[in-house]
Amino acid sequence: MIVVVLLVIAFVLRNIAVSWAPSRDQYPVQGISVDDSNGEITWHVAGATGVDFAYIRATEGAEKRDRNFTANIEGAREAGIRYGAFHNYSLCRLATDQATIFVTTVPRAENMLPPAIRLAFDNGCGDRPGRALVLSELNTFLNQIESHSGKPAIIEVSREFEELYNISSGIDRTFWLEANFFPPDYATKPWVMWRASDMRRISGVDGPINWNVVRP
């Protein structure tokens, strides 16, 4: 009997988690961030669920171009969803090489949102350079992609990356933080964007999606 009760509770909590999003009264502008792991997205259906904007992965490191990037930006544009491109940064590759693949993948367009860079540790890179070198390389990367886009970039940084390198006190940019369900407070600057859930499911996308909100 206890096992059955626990299973029912787990089922209810899961259903709450996959459908939860912050209140629109508090955060009127909400959207998603996606990459090719999300498969083929039916963008007009996703837009009808309340997706106001989308950040779409363009590149990762110095070699990987997201195979769905072009299809995703075209789909978002046709659905009337504002869109921007992001890059997954690698501590194992030179900033100039990473900037090169980004600017040769992402078109320069006035209607695109500012470019974004995601800073998070990954299993494929064990390097942990000193903070001074990381900040120097990040500034090189940012200067090159901002010169291409004509817009200041947004920095999405994980809690672990921020705790080690304190990026928010070393680089003067807009920050995008991550925490499921509860607003994050781990940076020295207030967040402008918050990845509020990596569990939400919406129509038009198979599997869980990253759900983001903008601070009013």
Foldseek 3Di string as FASTA:
>chain_A
DVVVVVVVVVVVVLVCQQADDDDCVQFVAKAFEDACVQPFFQQLQQVVVPHQAYEYEQEEELDDGGPCRVVVVVNCVVNVHAYAYEYEYAPVHFLVSRLVSVLVRDAQDPRHDAYEYEYDDDPVHDDDDDLVVVLVRVVVNQVSNCVSRVDHYEYEYELVRCVRRLVQVRDPGAYEYEDAQDFDDRHPDDHQKYQHHQAYDGPRTPGGTGMMTGRD
